[in-house]
Amino acid sequence: MTTVIGLVLAGGEGRRMGGVDKGLQPWRGQPLATHVLQALQPQVSRLMVSANRHHETYATFGHPVLADPDGLAFAGPLAGMLAGLQAIPDDAWLLTAPCDSPLPPADLAARLFAATHPPGCDEPLPLAFAQAQREHPTHALLHARLREPLAHYLARGGRAVLRWMREQPHGVARFSDEAAFANFNHVADLTA
């Protein structure tokens, strides 16, 4: 049986929102991160949150809270992904979604998993990310065996998510609804 563990990425500095913790910003009566947790819950065996601030608040959501690995605090989404990969069993998969994109598809995990198993491929690919009209690399499924390659990339100063993902054997799950990946980068987006 395949184990898929979800991780909501909420570890950023929120610079484009004036430095606020994006995952805790209210939208439709709940923090943004809560919307993502609720959307991922039926798709995974358990959930975690990647956060570098307000750990106590995130802990009230009922899931483990992971800080970025030592020396990588606020180093971007890949640092949160590495923390997630370090927290899962060796045979598990990590489903990631950013906290500022509160409407991920209900079949995100299933379609990403299918993209890691392309026809004619004997071994599953270790990674898949979503694409609608454009790529959405933080909506991804990563196998635990990517821990070491990701740690090396970050240690060399790499921070570009899509660049690292394209360097790995990967699949792409195509979605028709770009709105499912809409993200809120500015406070005004929350009320639009």
N, C-alpha and C. Protein backbone atom coordinates (compact mmCIF):
# COMPACT_ATOMS: atom_id res chain seq x y z
N MET A 1 0.83 -1.18 0.00
CA MET A 1 0.00 0.00 0.00
C MET A 1 0.88 1.25 0.00
N THR A 2 0.52 2.23 -0.81
CA THR A 2 1.28 3.46 -0.93
C THR A 2 0.91 4.44 0.17
N THR A 3 1.92 4.98 0.83
CA THR A 3 1.70 5.99 1.86
C THR A 3 1.98 7.37 1.27
N VAL A 4 0.98 8.24 1.33
CA VAL A 4 1.12 9.62 0.89
C VAL A 4 0.84 10.52 2.10
N ILE A 5 1.79 11.37 2.41
CA ILE A 5 1.69 12.29 3.55
C ILE A 5 1.66 13.71 2.99
N GLY A 6 0.73 14.50 3.48
CA GLY A 6 0.56 15.86 2.98
C GLY A 6 1.36 16.87 3.77
N LEU A 7 1.83 17.90 3.07
CA LEU A 7 2.57 18.99 3.69
C LEU A 7 2.08 20.31 3.12
N VAL A 8 1.57 21.18 4.00
CA VAL A 8 1.18 22.53 3.59
C VAL A 8 2.40 23.43 3.80
N LEU A 9 2.81 24.09 2.75
CA LEU A 9 3.99 24.96 2.79
C LEU A 9 3.58 26.34 3.26
N ALA A 10 3.94 26.67 4.50
CA ALA A 10 3.58 27.97 5.09
C ALA A 10 4.80 28.61 5.75
N GLY A 11 5.97 28.34 5.22
CA GLY A 11 7.20 28.78 5.87
C GLY A 11 7.82 30.04 5.32
N GLY A 12 7.12 30.75 4.45
CA GLY A 12 7.71 31.92 3.82
C GLY A 12 7.65 33.18 4.68
N GLU A 13 8.31 34.21 4.17
CA GLU A 13 8.36 35.48 4.88
C GLU A 13 7.18 36.39 4.53
N GLY A 14 6.41 36.06 3.51
CA GLY A 14 5.25 36.87 3.14
C GLY A 14 5.61 38.27 2.72
N ARG A 15 6.75 38.44 2.05
CA ARG A 15 7.22 39.78 1.67
C ARG A 15 6.20 40.55 0.83
N ARG A 16 5.58 39.87 -0.13
CA ARG A 16 4.63 40.59 -1.00
C ARG A 16 3.34 40.94 -0.27
N MET A 17 3.15 40.36 0.93
CA MET A 17 1.99 40.71 1.76
C MET A 17 2.41 41.60 2.92
N GLY A 18 3.55 42.24 2.79
CA GLY A 18 4.00 43.14 3.84
C GLY A 18 4.61 42.45 5.03
N GLY A 19 5.06 41.20 4.86
CA GLY A 19 5.74 40.48 5.92
C GLY A 19 4.83 39.69 6.85
N VAL A 20 3.54 39.63 6.55
CA VAL A 20 2.63 38.85 7.41
C VAL A 20 2.81 37.36 7.12
N ASP A 21 2.37 36.55 8.06
CA ASP A 21 2.41 35.10 7.90
C ASP A 21 1.21 34.72 7.03
N LYS A 22 1.46 34.42 5.77
CA LYS A 22 0.37 34.20 4.81
C LYS A 22 -0.58 33.09 5.23
N GLY A 23 -0.06 32.01 5.75
CA GLY A 23 -0.91 30.89 6.11
C GLY A 23 -1.94 31.20 7.17
N LEU A 24 -1.71 32.26 7.93
CA LEU A 24 -2.64 32.63 9.00
C LEU A 24 -3.58 33.75 8.61
N GLN A 25 -3.47 34.24 7.38
CA GLN A 25 -4.36 35.32 6.95
C GLN A 25 -5.77 34.78 6.69
N PRO A 26 -6.79 35.50 7.19
CA PRO A 26 -8.16 34.99 7.04
C PRO A 26 -8.69 35.14 5.62
N TRP A 27 -9.39 34.10 5.20
CA TRP A 27 -10.08 34.10 3.92
C TRP A 27 -11.32 33.24 4.10
N ARG A 28 -12.46 33.79 3.77
CA ARG A 28 -13.73 33.07 3.93
C ARG A 28 -13.88 32.48 5.34
N GLY A 29 -13.46 33.26 6.32
CA GLY A 29 -13.69 32.90 7.71
C GLY A 29 -12.68 31.97 8.35
N GLN A 30 -11.63 31.57 7.60
CA GLN A 30 -10.62 30.67 8.14
C GLN A 30 -9.24 31.08 7.64
N PRO A 31 -8.19 30.72 8.37
CA PRO A 31 -6.84 30.97 7.86
C PRO A 31 -6.62 30.24 6.52
N LEU A 32 -5.83 30.84 5.66
CA LEU A 32 -5.55 30.22 4.37
C LEU A 32 -5.04 28.78 4.52
N ALA A 33 -4.14 28.56 5.46
CA ALA A 33 -3.57 27.21 5.62
C ALA A 33 -4.65 26.19 5.96
N THR A 34 -5.66 26.60 6.70
CA THR A 34 -6.74 25.68 7.07
C THR A 34 -7.50 25.20 5.84
N HIS A 35 -7.72 26.08 4.88
CA HIS A 35 -8.40 25.67 3.64
C HIS A 35 -7.60 24.58 2.93
N VAL A 36 -6.28 24.77 2.87
CA VAL A 36 -5.44 23.79 2.18
C VAL A 36 -5.41 22.47 2.95
N LEU A 37 -5.29 22.54 4.26
CA LEU A 37 -5.31 21.32 5.07
C LEU A 37 -6.61 20.54 4.85
N GLN A 38 -7.73 21.23 4.83
CA GLN A 38 -9.02 20.57 4.63
C GLN A 38 -9.12 19.94 3.24
N ALA A 39 -8.55 20.61 2.23
CA ALA A 39 -8.60 20.06 0.88
C ALA A 39 -7.70 18.82 0.73
N LEU A 40 -6.58 18.81 1.42
CA LEU A 40 -5.65 17.68 1.30
C LEU A 40 -6.03 16.50 2.19
N GLN A 41 -6.74 16.76 3.29
CA GLN A 41 -7.05 15.73 4.29
C GLN A 41 -7.56 14.42 3.68
N PRO A 42 -8.57 14.44 2.79
CA PRO A 42 -9.06 13.16 2.27
C PRO A 42 -8.12 12.50 1.26
N GLN A 43 -7.06 13.19 0.89
CA GLN A 43 -6.16 12.66 -0.14
C GLN A 43 -4.91 11.99 0.43
N VAL A 44 -4.69 12.12 1.74
CA VAL A 44 -3.43 11.66 2.34
C VAL A 44 -3.69 10.85 3.60
N SER A 45 -2.66 10.15 4.07
CA SER A 45 -2.80 9.38 5.30
C SER A 45 -2.65 10.25 6.54
N ARG A 46 -1.84 11.29 6.44
CA ARG A 46 -1.71 12.27 7.52
C ARG A 46 -1.17 13.57 6.95
N LEU A 47 -1.19 14.62 7.78
CA LEU A 47 -0.80 15.95 7.34
C LEU A 47 0.27 16.54 8.24
N MET A 48 1.04 17.47 7.67
CA MET A 48 2.02 18.26 8.40
C MET A 48 1.97 19.67 7.85
N VAL A 49 2.54 20.60 8.61
CA VAL A 49 2.63 22.00 8.17
C VAL A 49 4.09 22.42 8.25
N SER A 50 4.58 23.05 7.20
CA SER A 50 5.91 23.63 7.19
C SER A 50 5.75 25.10 7.55
N ALA A 51 6.34 25.53 8.68
CA ALA A 51 6.21 26.92 9.13
C ALA A 51 7.47 27.33 9.87
N ASN A 52 7.86 28.57 9.70
CA ASN A 52 9.03 29.11 10.38
C ASN A 52 8.68 30.18 11.41
N ARG A 53 7.40 30.48 11.54
CA ARG A 53 6.92 31.44 12.54
C ARG A 53 5.61 30.90 13.10
N HIS A 54 5.23 31.40 14.25
CA HIS A 54 3.93 31.10 14.85
C HIS A 54 3.65 29.60 14.96
N HIS A 55 4.66 28.84 15.38
CA HIS A 55 4.51 27.38 15.50
C HIS A 55 3.34 27.01 16.41
N GLU A 56 3.18 27.75 17.51
CA GLU A 56 2.10 27.42 18.45
C GLU A 56 0.74 27.55 17.78
N THR A 57 0.57 28.60 16.97
CA THR A 57 -0.71 28.80 16.29
C THR A 57 -0.96 27.68 15.28
N TYR A 58 0.04 27.36 14.48
CA TYR A 58 -0.13 26.28 13.52
C TYR A 58 -0.39 24.95 14.22
N ALA A 59 0.21 24.74 15.37
CA ALA A 59 0.01 23.49 16.11
C ALA A 59 -1.45 23.32 16.53
N THR A 60 -2.17 24.42 16.70
CA THR A 60 -3.59 24.31 17.09
C THR A 60 -4.43 23.71 15.97
N PHE A 61 -3.89 23.63 14.75
CA PHE A 61 -4.62 23.02 13.64
C PHE A 61 -4.63 21.49 13.75
N GLY A 62 -3.82 20.94 14.67
CA GLY A 62 -3.86 19.51 14.95
C GLY A 62 -2.90 18.65 14.17
N HIS A 63 -1.89 19.25 13.56
CA HIS A 63 -0.92 18.49 12.76
C HIS A 63 0.49 18.90 13.17
N PRO A 64 1.48 18.00 12.98
CA PRO A 64 2.86 18.37 13.30
C PRO A 64 3.31 19.58 12.49
N VAL A 65 4.11 20.42 13.13
CA VAL A 65 4.64 21.63 12.49
C VAL A 65 6.14 21.45 12.34
N LEU A 66 6.64 21.63 11.13
CA LEU A 66 8.05 21.45 10.82
C LEU A 66 8.68 22.78 10.46
N ALA A 67 9.80 23.10 11.07
CA ALA A 67 10.59 24.27 10.67
C ALA A 67 11.55 23.85 9.56
N ASP A 68 12.04 24.82 8.81
CA ASP A 68 13.05 24.52 7.80
C ASP A 68 14.28 23.92 8.47
N PRO A 69 15.01 23.05 7.77
CA PRO A 69 16.22 22.46 8.35
C PRO A 69 17.24 23.53 8.76
N ASP A 70 18.12 23.16 9.69
CA ASP A 70 19.15 24.08 10.16
C ASP A 70 19.91 24.70 9.00
N GLY A 71 20.10 26.01 9.08
CA GLY A 71 20.84 26.73 8.06
C GLY A 71 20.02 27.07 6.83
N LEU A 72 18.76 26.65 6.79
CA LEU A 72 17.93 26.89 5.60
C LEU A 72 16.65 27.65 5.93
N ALA A 73 16.57 28.28 7.10
CA ALA A 73 15.35 29.00 7.47
C ALA A 73 15.04 30.06 6.42
N PHE A 74 13.80 30.07 5.97
CA PHE A 74 13.31 31.01 4.97
C PHE A 74 14.08 30.90 3.65
N ALA A 75 14.55 29.70 3.33
CA ALA A 75 15.29 29.49 2.08
C ALA A 75 14.36 29.13 0.93
N GLY A 76 13.06 29.27 1.12
CA GLY A 76 12.11 29.03 0.05
C GLY A 76 11.40 27.69 0.19
N PRO A 77 10.50 27.42 -0.75
CA PRO A 77 9.67 26.21 -0.67
C PRO A 77 10.47 24.91 -0.62
N LEU A 78 11.62 24.87 -1.28
CA LEU A 78 12.41 23.63 -1.29
C LEU A 78 12.90 23.27 0.11
N ALA A 79 13.18 24.27 0.94
CA ALA A 79 13.60 23.99 2.32
C ALA A 79 12.45 23.33 3.09
N GLY A 80 11.23 23.82 2.89
CA GLY A 80 10.08 23.18 3.52
C GLY A 80 9.86 21.77 3.00
N MET A 81 10.06 21.58 1.70
CA MET A 81 9.93 20.24 1.12
C MET A 81 10.96 19.29 1.71
N LEU A 82 12.19 19.79 1.89
CA LEU A 82 13.22 18.93 2.49
C LEU A 82 12.85 18.55 3.92
N ALA A 83 12.35 19.50 4.69
CA ALA A 83 11.91 19.19 6.05
C ALA A 83 10.83 18.10 6.02
N GLY A 84 9.91 18.21 5.07
CA GLY A 84 8.87 17.19 4.93
C GLY A 84 9.43 15.85 4.54
N LEU A 85 10.35 15.82 3.59
CA LEU A 85 10.95 14.56 3.16
C LEU A 85 11.72 13.90 4.31
N GLN A 86 12.34 14.71 5.16
CA GLN A 86 13.09 14.18 6.29
C GLN A 86 12.17 13.61 7.37
N ALA A 87 10.90 13.97 7.32
CA ALA A 87 9.95 13.55 8.36
C ALA A 87 9.09 12.35 7.97
N ILE A 88 9.29 11.82 6.75
CA ILE A 88 8.44 10.72 6.30
C ILE A 88 9.25 9.43 6.18
N PRO A 89 8.57 8.28 6.20
CA PRO A 89 9.28 7.01 6.03
C PRO A 89 9.96 6.90 4.66
N ASP A 90 10.95 6.02 4.58
CA ASP A 90 11.73 5.87 3.36
C ASP A 90 10.92 5.44 2.15
N ASP A 91 9.79 4.78 2.37
CA ASP A 91 8.99 4.29 1.25
C ASP A 91 7.76 5.16 0.96
N ALA A 92 7.69 6.33 1.57
CA ALA A 92 6.50 7.18 1.45
C ALA A 92 6.66 8.28 0.40
N TRP A 93 5.54 8.86 0.09
CA TRP A 93 5.46 10.00 -0.83
C TRP A 93 5.00 11.23 -0.04
N LEU A 94 5.45 12.40 -0.47
CA LEU A 94 5.09 13.67 0.15
C LEU A 94 4.30 14.50 -0.85
N LEU A 95 3.06 14.82 -0.51
CA LEU A 95 2.22 15.69 -1.32
C LEU A 95 2.34 17.09 -0.75
N THR A 96 2.77 18.06 -1.56
CA THR A 96 2.92 19.43 -1.08
C THR A 96 1.95 20.37 -1.78
N ALA A 97 1.54 21.39 -1.03
CA ALA A 97 0.70 22.45 -1.58
C ALA A 97 0.99 23.71 -0.78
N PRO A 98 1.04 24.86 -1.44
CA PRO A 98 1.34 26.11 -0.74
C PRO A 98 0.12 26.64 0.01
N CYS A 99 0.39 27.31 1.13
CA CYS A 99 -0.70 27.82 1.97
C CYS A 99 -1.47 28.94 1.31
N ASP A 100 -0.87 29.61 0.34
CA ASP A 100 -1.52 30.77 -0.28
C ASP A 100 -2.33 30.41 -1.52
N SER A 101 -2.56 29.14 -1.72
CA SER A 101 -3.36 28.63 -2.83
C SER A 101 -4.44 27.73 -2.24
N PRO A 102 -5.55 28.33 -1.75
CA PRO A 102 -6.48 27.61 -0.89
C PRO A 102 -7.48 26.66 -1.55
N LEU A 103 -7.41 26.51 -2.86
CA LEU A 103 -8.40 25.67 -3.55
C LEU A 103 -7.78 24.55 -4.36
N PRO A 104 -6.85 23.78 -3.79
CA PRO A 104 -6.22 22.72 -4.60
C PRO A 104 -7.25 21.68 -5.04
N PRO A 105 -7.03 21.08 -6.20
CA PRO A 105 -7.98 20.09 -6.72
C PRO A 105 -8.19 18.91 -5.77
N ALA A 106 -9.40 18.40 -5.75
CA ALA A 106 -9.74 17.24 -4.91
C ALA A 106 -9.03 15.97 -5.36
N ASP A 107 -8.55 15.95 -6.60
CA ASP A 107 -7.84 14.78 -7.12
C ASP A 107 -6.35 15.06 -7.34
N LEU A 108 -5.83 16.06 -6.62
CA LEU A 108 -4.42 16.43 -6.80
C LEU A 108 -3.49 15.24 -6.56
N ALA A 109 -3.63 14.57 -5.44
CA ALA A 109 -2.73 13.45 -5.12
C ALA A 109 -2.86 12.33 -6.15
N ALA A 110 -4.07 11.97 -6.51
CA ALA A 110 -4.28 10.86 -7.45
C ALA A 110 -3.67 11.16 -8.81
N ARG A 111 -3.85 12.38 -9.27
CA ARG A 111 -3.33 12.71 -10.61
C ARG A 111 -1.82 12.88 -10.61
N LEU A 112 -1.27 13.41 -9.52
CA LEU A 112 0.18 13.50 -9.43
C LEU A 112 0.79 12.10 -9.33
N PHE A 113 0.15 11.23 -8.56
CA PHE A 113 0.64 9.85 -8.45
C PHE A 113 0.62 9.15 -9.81
N ALA A 114 -0.46 9.34 -10.55
CA ALA A 114 -0.55 8.75 -11.89
C ALA A 114 0.57 9.27 -12.79
N ALA A 115 0.93 10.54 -12.63
CA ALA A 115 1.99 11.13 -13.46
C ALA A 115 3.37 10.56 -13.11
N THR A 116 3.52 9.98 -11.93
CA THR A 116 4.80 9.35 -11.58
C THR A 116 4.89 7.93 -12.14
N HIS A 117 3.80 7.45 -12.72
CA HIS A 117 3.75 6.09 -13.28
C HIS A 117 3.36 6.15 -14.76
N PRO A 118 4.19 6.76 -15.60
CA PRO A 118 3.83 6.85 -17.02
C PRO A 118 3.84 5.48 -17.68
N PRO A 119 3.05 5.32 -18.74
CA PRO A 119 3.03 4.03 -19.45
C PRO A 119 4.43 3.66 -19.94
N GLY A 120 4.75 2.40 -19.81
CA GLY A 120 6.03 1.90 -20.29
C GLY A 120 7.20 2.12 -19.35
N CYS A 121 6.95 2.72 -18.21
CA CYS A 121 8.02 3.00 -17.25
C CYS A 121 8.00 1.91 -16.18
N ASP A 122 9.10 1.17 -16.04
CA ASP A 122 9.15 0.06 -15.08
C ASP A 122 9.17 0.55 -13.63
N GLU A 123 9.91 1.61 -13.37
CA GLU A 123 10.03 2.19 -12.03
C GLU A 123 9.25 3.50 -11.99
N PRO A 124 8.53 3.77 -10.90
CA PRO A 124 7.86 5.07 -10.83
C PRO A 124 8.88 6.21 -10.78
N LEU A 125 8.53 7.31 -11.41
CA LEU A 125 9.36 8.50 -11.33
C LEU A 125 9.27 9.03 -9.90
N PRO A 126 10.33 9.67 -9.39
CA PRO A 126 10.31 10.09 -7.99
C PRO A 126 9.59 11.41 -7.73
N LEU A 127 9.04 12.01 -8.79
CA LEU A 127 8.50 13.36 -8.64
C LEU A 127 7.48 13.65 -9.73
N ALA A 128 6.45 14.39 -9.36
CA ALA A 128 5.52 14.95 -10.35
C ALA A 128 5.03 16.28 -9.80
N PHE A 129 4.77 17.22 -10.71
CA PHE A 129 4.19 18.50 -10.31
C PHE A 129 3.04 18.84 -11.22
N ALA A 130 2.24 19.79 -10.78
CA ALA A 130 1.02 20.15 -11.50
C ALA A 130 1.30 21.22 -12.56
N GLN A 131 0.47 21.17 -13.60
CA GLN A 131 0.50 22.20 -14.62
C GLN A 131 -0.91 22.43 -15.11
N ALA A 132 -1.31 23.68 -15.15
CA ALA A 132 -2.57 24.06 -15.79
C ALA A 132 -2.16 24.92 -16.98
N GLN A 133 -2.51 26.19 -16.98
CA GLN A 133 -2.00 27.05 -18.06
C GLN A 133 -0.51 27.28 -17.89
N ARG A 134 -0.03 27.20 -16.65
CA ARG A 134 1.41 27.30 -16.37
C ARG A 134 1.78 26.24 -15.34
N GLU A 135 3.06 26.09 -15.06
CA GLU A 135 3.53 25.10 -14.10
C GLU A 135 3.28 25.57 -12.68
N HIS A 136 2.99 24.62 -11.82
CA HIS A 136 2.77 24.88 -10.39
C HIS A 136 3.62 23.90 -9.59
N PRO A 137 4.93 24.16 -9.51
CA PRO A 137 5.84 23.19 -8.91
C PRO A 137 5.69 23.00 -7.40
N THR A 138 5.03 23.92 -6.70
CA THR A 138 4.84 23.68 -5.26
C THR A 138 3.63 22.79 -4.99
N HIS A 139 2.84 22.52 -6.01
CA HIS A 139 1.80 21.48 -5.96
C HIS A 139 2.47 20.22 -6.53
N ALA A 140 3.06 19.45 -5.64
CA ALA A 140 3.93 18.37 -6.11
C ALA A 140 3.79 17.12 -5.27
N LEU A 141 4.26 16.03 -5.84
CA LEU A 141 4.36 14.76 -5.16
C LEU A 141 5.80 14.29 -5.29
N LEU A 142 6.46 14.08 -4.15
CA LEU A 142 7.87 13.73 -4.13
C LEU A 142 8.06 12.44 -3.33
N HIS A 143 8.91 11.57 -3.83
CA HIS A 143 9.22 10.34 -3.09
C HIS A 143 10.34 10.64 -2.09
N ALA A 144 10.33 9.93 -0.98
CA ALA A 144 11.33 10.13 0.07
C ALA A 144 12.75 9.97 -0.45
N ARG A 145 12.95 9.21 -1.52
CA ARG A 145 14.31 9.01 -2.02
C ARG A 145 14.93 10.29 -2.61
N LEU A 146 14.14 11.35 -2.70
CA LEU A 146 14.67 12.63 -3.17
C LEU A 146 15.33 13.45 -2.06
N ARG A 147 15.32 12.95 -0.83
CA ARG A 147 15.94 13.68 0.29
C ARG A 147 17.36 14.13 -0.04
N GLU A 148 18.19 13.17 -0.41
CA GLU A 148 19.61 13.48 -0.62
C GLU A 148 19.83 14.42 -1.80
N PRO A 149 19.23 14.17 -2.97
CA PRO A 149 19.44 15.11 -4.07
C PRO A 149 18.97 16.53 -3.73
N LEU A 150 17.87 16.65 -2.99
CA LEU A 150 17.38 17.97 -2.63
C LEU A 150 18.31 18.62 -1.60
N ALA A 151 18.78 17.87 -0.63
CA ALA A 151 19.70 18.42 0.36
C ALA A 151 20.97 18.93 -0.31
N HIS A 152 21.49 18.18 -1.29
CA HIS A 152 22.70 18.61 -2.00
C HIS A 152 22.45 19.89 -2.79
N TYR A 153 21.33 19.97 -3.45
CA TYR A 153 20.99 21.15 -4.24
C TYR A 153 20.92 22.39 -3.33
N LEU A 154 20.25 22.25 -2.20
CA LEU A 154 20.13 23.38 -1.28
C LEU A 154 21.49 23.74 -0.67
N ALA A 155 22.31 22.75 -0.37
CA ALA A 155 23.64 23.01 0.20
C ALA A 155 24.53 23.77 -0.77
N ARG A 156 24.29 23.57 -2.07
CA ARG A 156 25.07 24.30 -3.09
C ARG A 156 24.50 25.69 -3.34
N GLY A 157 23.44 26.06 -2.60
CA GLY A 157 22.86 27.39 -2.77
C GLY A 157 21.69 27.44 -3.71
N GLY A 158 21.28 26.30 -4.26
CA GLY A 158 20.14 26.28 -5.16
C GLY A 158 18.85 26.60 -4.43
N ARG A 159 17.99 27.39 -5.07
CA ARG A 159 16.72 27.75 -4.46
C ARG A 159 15.55 27.65 -5.44
N ALA A 160 15.84 27.57 -6.74
CA ALA A 160 14.80 27.58 -7.77
C ALA A 160 14.08 26.23 -7.81
N VAL A 161 12.81 26.25 -7.45
CA VAL A 161 12.02 25.02 -7.34
C VAL A 161 11.93 24.30 -8.68
N LEU A 162 11.45 24.99 -9.69
CA LEU A 162 11.23 24.35 -10.98
C LEU A 162 12.54 23.87 -11.60
N ARG A 163 13.61 24.62 -11.43
CA ARG A 163 14.91 24.20 -11.98
C ARG A 163 15.32 22.87 -11.36
N TRP A 164 15.23 22.75 -10.02
CA TRP A 164 15.61 21.50 -9.38
C TRP A 164 14.71 20.35 -9.83
N MET A 165 13.42 20.61 -9.90
CA MET A 165 12.49 19.55 -10.28
C MET A 165 12.75 19.06 -11.70
N ARG A 166 13.07 19.97 -12.59
CA ARG A 166 13.36 19.57 -13.98
C ARG A 166 14.65 18.77 -14.08
N GLU A 167 15.54 18.90 -13.10
CA GLU A 167 16.78 18.12 -13.09
C GLU A 167 16.54 16.68 -12.66
N GLN A 168 15.38 16.41 -12.04
CA GLN A 168 15.04 15.07 -11.58
C GLN A 168 14.18 14.36 -12.63
N PRO A 169 14.21 13.04 -12.68
CA PRO A 169 13.20 12.36 -13.50
C PRO A 169 11.82 12.74 -12.94
N HIS A 170 10.94 13.23 -13.78
CA HIS A 170 9.67 13.73 -13.26
C HIS A 170 8.54 13.55 -14.27
N GLY A 171 7.34 13.58 -13.73
CA GLY A 171 6.14 13.59 -14.53
C GLY A 171 5.41 14.91 -14.31
N VAL A 172 4.46 15.18 -15.18
CA VAL A 172 3.65 16.40 -15.06
C VAL A 172 2.19 15.99 -15.13
N ALA A 173 1.43 16.42 -14.14
CA ALA A 173 -0.02 16.18 -14.15
C ALA A 173 -0.70 17.43 -14.68
N ARG A 174 -1.42 17.28 -15.77
CA ARG A 174 -2.05 18.45 -16.40
C ARG A 174 -3.49 18.60 -15.93
N PHE A 175 -3.80 19.83 -15.54
CA PHE A 175 -5.14 20.19 -15.05
C PHE A 175 -5.70 21.27 -15.96
N SER A 176 -7.00 21.24 -16.17
CA SER A 176 -7.62 22.24 -17.04
C SER A 176 -8.03 23.51 -16.30
N ASP A 177 -8.18 23.43 -14.97
CA ASP A 177 -8.69 24.56 -14.20
C ASP A 177 -7.56 25.34 -13.53
N GLU A 178 -7.12 26.41 -14.17
CA GLU A 178 -6.07 27.25 -13.60
C GLU A 178 -6.51 27.88 -12.29
N ALA A 179 -7.81 28.13 -12.13
CA ALA A 179 -8.31 28.76 -10.90
C ALA A 179 -8.04 27.93 -9.66
N ALA A 180 -7.93 26.61 -9.82
CA ALA A 180 -7.64 25.74 -8.67
C ALA A 180 -6.26 26.01 -8.09
N PHE A 181 -5.41 26.67 -8.86
CA PHE A 181 -4.05 26.95 -8.43
C PHE A 181 -3.82 28.43 -8.15
N ALA A 182 -4.88 29.22 -8.19
CA ALA A 182 -4.75 30.66 -7.92
C ALA A 182 -4.15 30.85 -6.53
N ASN A 183 -3.19 31.77 -6.46
CA ASN A 183 -2.61 32.02 -5.15
C ASN A 183 -2.72 33.49 -4.78
N PHE A 184 -2.70 33.71 -3.49
CA PHE A 184 -2.86 35.04 -2.94
C PHE A 184 -1.49 35.57 -2.51
N ASN A 185 -0.99 36.55 -3.23
CA ASN A 185 0.31 37.11 -2.93
C ASN A 185 0.23 38.46 -2.24
N HIS A 186 -0.91 39.10 -2.29
CA HIS A 186 -1.09 40.43 -1.73
C HIS A 186 -2.32 40.44 -0.84
N VAL A 187 -2.32 41.31 0.17
CA VAL A 187 -3.46 41.39 1.08
C VAL A 187 -4.73 41.66 0.31
N ALA A 188 -4.67 42.48 -0.73
CA ALA A 188 -5.86 42.81 -1.53
C ALA A 188 -6.46 41.57 -2.18
N ASP A 189 -5.63 40.55 -2.46
CA ASP A 189 -6.14 39.33 -3.07
C ASP A 189 -7.15 38.62 -2.17
N LEU A 190 -7.02 38.80 -0.88
CA LEU A 190 -7.88 38.12 0.09
C LEU A 190 -9.31 38.64 0.07
N THR A 191 -9.49 39.84 -0.42
CA THR A 191 -10.83 40.44 -0.44
C THR A 191 -11.37 40.58 -1.85
N ALA A 192 -10.57 40.23 -2.85
CA ALA A 192 -11.01 40.38 -4.25
C ALA A 192 -12.08 39.38 -4.59
